[in-house]
PDB file of N, CA and C in Angstrom:
ATOM      1  N   MET A   1      40.935  22.645 -28.217  1.00  0.00           N
ATOM      2  CA  MET A   1      39.799  21.585 -28.177  1.00  0.00           C
ATOM      3  C   MET A   1      40.682  20.525 -27.455  1.00  0.00           C
ATOM      4  N   SER A   2      40.347  19.856 -26.741  1.00  0.00           N
ATOM      5  CA  SER A   2      40.677  18.591 -25.779  1.00  0.00           C
ATOM      6  C   SER A   2      40.432  17.916 -27.188  1.00  0.00           C
ATOM      7  N   THR A   3      40.924  16.526 -26.593  1.00  0.00           N
ATOM      8  CA  THR A   3      41.223  15.300 -27.020  1.00  0.00           C
ATOM      9  C   THR A   3      39.790  14.676 -26.998  1.00  0.00           C
ATOM     10  N   ILE A   4      39.736  14.572 -25.323  1.00  0.00           N
ATOM     11  CA  ILE A   4      38.472  14.447 -25.100  1.00  0.00           C
ATOM     12  C   ILE A   4      37.218  14.830 -25.900  1.00  0.00           C
ATOM     13  N   ALA A   5      37.436  15.729 -25.682  1.00  0.00           N
ATOM     14  CA  ALA A   5      35.722  16.722 -26.014  1.00  0.00           C
ATOM     15  C   ALA A   5      35.436  16.401 -27.229  1.00  0.00           C
ATOM     16  N   LEU A   6      36.771  16.401 -28.264  1.00  0.00           N
ATOM     17  CA  LEU A   6      36.821  16.208 -29.928  1.00  0.00           C
ATOM     18  C   LEU A   6      36.119  14.833 -29.632  1.00  0.00           C
ATOM     19  N   SER A   7      36.745  13.785 -28.932  1.00  0.00           N
ATOM     20  CA  SER A   7      36.639  12.810 -29.538  1.00  0.00           C
ATOM     21  C   SER A   7      35.028  11.956 -28.724  1.00  0.00           C
ATOM     22  N   THR A   8      34.709  12.993 -27.862  1.00  0.00           N
ATOM     23  CA  THR A   8      32.923  12.911 -27.608  1.00  0.00           C
ATOM     24  C   THR A   8      32.341  13.058 -28.518  1.00  0.00           C
ATOM     25  N   TYR A   9      32.765  14.262 -29.371  1.00  0.00           N
ATOM     26  CA  TYR A   9      31.328  15.044 -30.442  1.00  0.00           C
ATOM     27  C   TYR A   9      31.533  14.312 -31.411  1.00  0.00           C
ATOM     28  N   ILE A  10      32.950  13.641 -31.787  1.00  0.00           N
ATOM     29  CA  ILE A  10      32.887  12.797 -32.858  1.00  0.00           C
ATOM     30  C   ILE A  10      32.465  11.672 -32.464  1.00  0.00           C
ATOM     31  N   LEU A  11      32.181  10.769 -31.665  1.00  0.00           N
ATOM     32  CA  LEU A  11      31.690   9.743 -31.436  1.00  0.00           C
ATOM     33  C   LEU A  11      30.347   9.754 -30.896  1.00  0.00           C
ATOM     34  N   ILE A  12      29.380  11.022 -30.558  1.00  0.00           N
ATOM     35  CA  ILE A  12      28.086  11.065 -29.981  1.00  0.00           C
ATOM     36  C   ILE A  12      27.668  10.746 -31.367  1.00  0.00           C
ATOM     37  N   TRP A  13      27.841  11.691 -33.106  1.00  0.00           N
ATOM     38  CA  TRP A  13      26.627  11.289 -33.956  1.00  0.00           C
ATOM     39  C   TRP A  13      26.174  10.008 -33.831  1.00  0.00           C
ATOM     40  N   PRO A  14      27.326   8.439 -34.163  1.00  0.00           N
ATOM     41  CA  PRO A  14      26.180   8.185 -34.258  1.00  0.00           C
ATOM     42  C   PRO A  14      25.054   7.361 -32.788  1.00  0.00           C
ATOM     43  N   VAL A  15      25.287   8.076 -31.783  1.00  0.00           N
ATOM     44  CA  VAL A  15      23.977   7.897 -31.052  1.00  0.00           C
ATOM     45  C   VAL A  15      22.504   8.300 -31.761  1.00  0.00           C
ATOM     46  N   ILE A  16      23.267   9.934 -31.929  1.00  0.00           N
ATOM     47  CA  ILE A  16      22.502  11.034 -32.684  1.00  0.00           C
ATOM     48  C   ILE A  16      21.754   9.972 -34.108  1.00  0.00           C
ATOM     49  N   VAL A  17      22.338   9.507 -34.753  1.00  0.00           N
ATOM     50  CA  VAL A  17      21.675   8.759 -35.628  1.00  0.00           C
ATOM     51  C   VAL A  17      21.447   7.664 -35.485  1.00  0.00           C
ATOM     52  N   ALA A  18      21.582   6.625 -34.286  1.00  0.00           N
ATOM     53  CA  ALA A  18      20.677   5.400 -33.909  1.00  0.00           C
ATOM     54  C   ALA A  18      19.217   5.713 -33.470  1.00  0.00           C
ATOM     55  N   VAL A  19      19.374   7.147 -32.514  1.00  0.00           N
ATOM     56  CA  VAL A  19      18.084   7.232 -32.235  1.00  0.00           C
ATOM     57  C   VAL A  19      16.887   7.942 -32.963  1.00  0.00           C
ATOM     58  N   VAL A  20      17.740   8.530 -34.093  1.00  0.00           N
ATOM     59  CA  VAL A  20      16.754   9.449 -34.789  1.00  0.00           C
ATOM     60  C   VAL A  20      15.838   8.084 -35.511  1.00  0.00           C
ATOM     61  N   LEU A  21      17.303   7.253 -36.272  1.00  0.00           N
ATOM     62  CA  LEU A  21      16.367   5.889 -36.876  1.00  0.00           C
ATOM     63  C   LEU A  21      15.661   4.863 -36.432  1.00  0.00           C
ATOM     64  N   PHE A  22      15.635   5.048 -35.194  1.00  0.00           N
ATOM     65  CA  PHE A  22      14.543   4.206 -33.975  1.00  0.00           C
ATOM     66  C   PHE A  22      13.004   4.942 -34.528  1.00  0.00           C
ATOM     67  N   VAL A  23      13.579   5.935 -33.990  1.00  0.00           N
ATOM     68  CA  VAL A  23      11.813   6.943 -33.628  1.00  0.00           C
ATOM     69  C   VAL A  23      11.091   7.039 -35.435  1.00  0.00           C
ATOM     70  N   VAL A  24      12.211   7.279 -36.550  1.00  0.00           N
ATOM     71  CA  VAL A  24      11.138   7.064 -37.698  1.00  0.00           C
ATOM     72  C   VAL A  24      10.860   5.423 -37.750  1.00  0.00           C
ATOM     73  N   GLY A  25      11.617   4.496 -37.360  1.00  0.00           N
ATOM     74  CA  GLY A  25      11.322   3.307 -37.898  1.00  0.00           C
ATOM     75  C   GLY A  25      10.153   2.322 -36.908  1.00  0.00           C
ATOM     76  N   ARG A  26      10.124   3.308 -35.558  1.00  0.00           N
ATOM     77  CA  ARG A  26       8.752   2.675 -34.833  1.00  0.00           C
ATOM     78  C   ARG A  26       7.660   3.686 -35.226  1.00  0.00           C
ATOM     79  N   ALA A  27       7.535   4.634 -35.403  1.00  0.00           N
ATOM     80  CA  ALA A  27       6.831   5.444 -36.311  1.00  0.00           C
ATOM     81  C   ALA A  27       6.348   4.415 -37.554  1.00  0.00           C
ATOM     82  N   PHE A  28       7.270   4.134 -38.610  1.00  0.00           N
ATOM     83  CA  PHE A  28       6.894   3.574 -39.759  1.00  0.00           C
ATOM     84  C   PHE A  28       6.337   2.099 -39.124  1.00  0.00           C
ATOM     85  N   TYR A  29       6.613   1.813 -38.013  1.00  0.00           N
ATOM     86  CA  TYR A  29       6.058   0.342 -37.979  1.00  0.00           C
ATOM     87  C   TYR A  29       4.713   0.598 -37.027  1.00  0.00           C
ATOM     88  N   CYS A  30       3.990   1.605 -36.401  1.00  0.00           N
ATOM     89  CA  CYS A  30       3.263   2.106 -36.264  1.00  0.00           C
ATOM     90  C   CYS A  30       2.125   2.301 -37.141  1.00  0.00           C
ATOM     91  N   GLU A  31       2.438   3.252 -38.493  1.00  0.00           N
ATOM     92  CA  GLU A  31       1.471   3.227 -39.260  1.00  0.00           C
ATOM     93  C   GLU A  31       1.317   2.205 -39.610  1.00  0.00           C
ATOM     94  N   TRP A  32       2.039   1.491 -40.114  1.00  0.00           N
ATOM     95  CA  TRP A  32       1.928  -0.070 -41.126  1.00  0.00           C
ATOM     96  C   TRP A  32       1.049  -0.953 -40.357  1.00  0.00           C
ATOM     97  N   ALA A  33       1.332  -0.942 -38.597  1.00  0.00           N
ATOM     98  CA  ALA A  33       0.400  -2.077 -38.278  1.00  0.00           C
ATOM     99  C   ALA A  33      -1.193  -1.194 -38.138  1.00  0.00           C
ATOM    100  N   GLU A  34      -1.033  -0.261 -38.114  1.00  0.00           N
ATOM    101  CA  GLU A  34      -2.593   0.565 -37.963  1.00  0.00           C
ATOM    102  C   GLU A  34      -3.229   0.328 -39.415  1.00  0.00           C
ATOM    103  N   ALA A  35      -2.392   0.526 -40.586  1.00  0.00           N
ATOM    104  CA  ALA A  35      -2.947  -0.093 -41.679  1.00  0.00           C
ATOM    105  C   ALA A  35      -3.286  -0.732 -42.159  1.00  0.00           C
ATOM    106  N   ARG A  36      -2.415  -1.975 -41.360  1.00  0.00           N
ATOM    107  CA  ARG A  36      -3.196  -3.813 -41.737  1.00  0.00           C
ATOM    108  C   ARG A  36      -4.637  -3.983 -40.800  1.00  0.00           C
ATOM    109  N   ARG A  37      -4.261  -3.053 -39.941  1.00  0.00           N
ATOM    110  CA  ARG A  37      -5.794  -3.392 -38.665  1.00  0.00           C
ATOM    111  C   ARG A  37      -6.745  -3.100 -39.661  1.00  0.00           C
ATOM    112  N   ASP A  38      -6.847  -1.824 -40.368  1.00  0.00           N
ATOM    113  CA  ASP A  38      -8.048  -1.105 -40.677  1.00  0.00           C
ATOM    114  C   ASP A  38      -8.002  -1.608 -42.380  1.00  0.00           C
ATOM    115  N   GLY A  39      -7.003  -2.489 -42.597  1.00  0.00           N
ATOM    116  CA  GLY A  39      -7.218  -3.641 -44.072  1.00  0.00           C
ATOM    117  C   GLY A  39      -7.457  -2.039 -44.991  1.00  0.00           C
ATOM    118  N   ARG A  40      -6.367  -1.035 -45.064  1.00  0.00           N
ATOM    119  CA  ARG A  40      -6.349  -0.599 -46.304  1.00  0.00           C
ATOM    120  C   ARG A  40      -4.731  -0.407 -46.695  1.00  0.00           C
ATOM    121  N   SER A  41      -4.672   0.148 -47.677  1.00  0.00           N
ATOM    122  CA  SER A  41      -3.017   0.498 -48.389  1.00  0.00           C
ATOM    123  C   SER A  41      -2.155   1.585 -47.397  1.00  0.00           C
ATOM    124  N   LEU A  42      -1.013   1.006 -47.119  1.00  0.00           N
ATOM    125  CA  LEU A  42       0.053   1.891 -46.642  1.00  0.00           C
ATOM    126  C   LEU A  42       0.290   3.333 -46.934  1.00  0.00           C
ATOM    127  N   ILE A  43       0.121   2.814 -48.670  1.00  0.00           N
ATOM    128  CA  ILE A  43       0.418   4.032 -50.202  1.00  0.00           C
ATOM    129  C   ILE A  43      -0.653   4.568 -50.149  1.00  0.00           C
TER     130      ILE A  43
END
């Protein structure tokens, strides 16, 4: 495997993790905001 391909493969993981964290955080925020608007507990 070439050095560039291996470097790209290793460096893409933080990007994937950041995207997943963003999606989960955004979903949590939307659920939290909806619960707060409705006046109910999130749990």
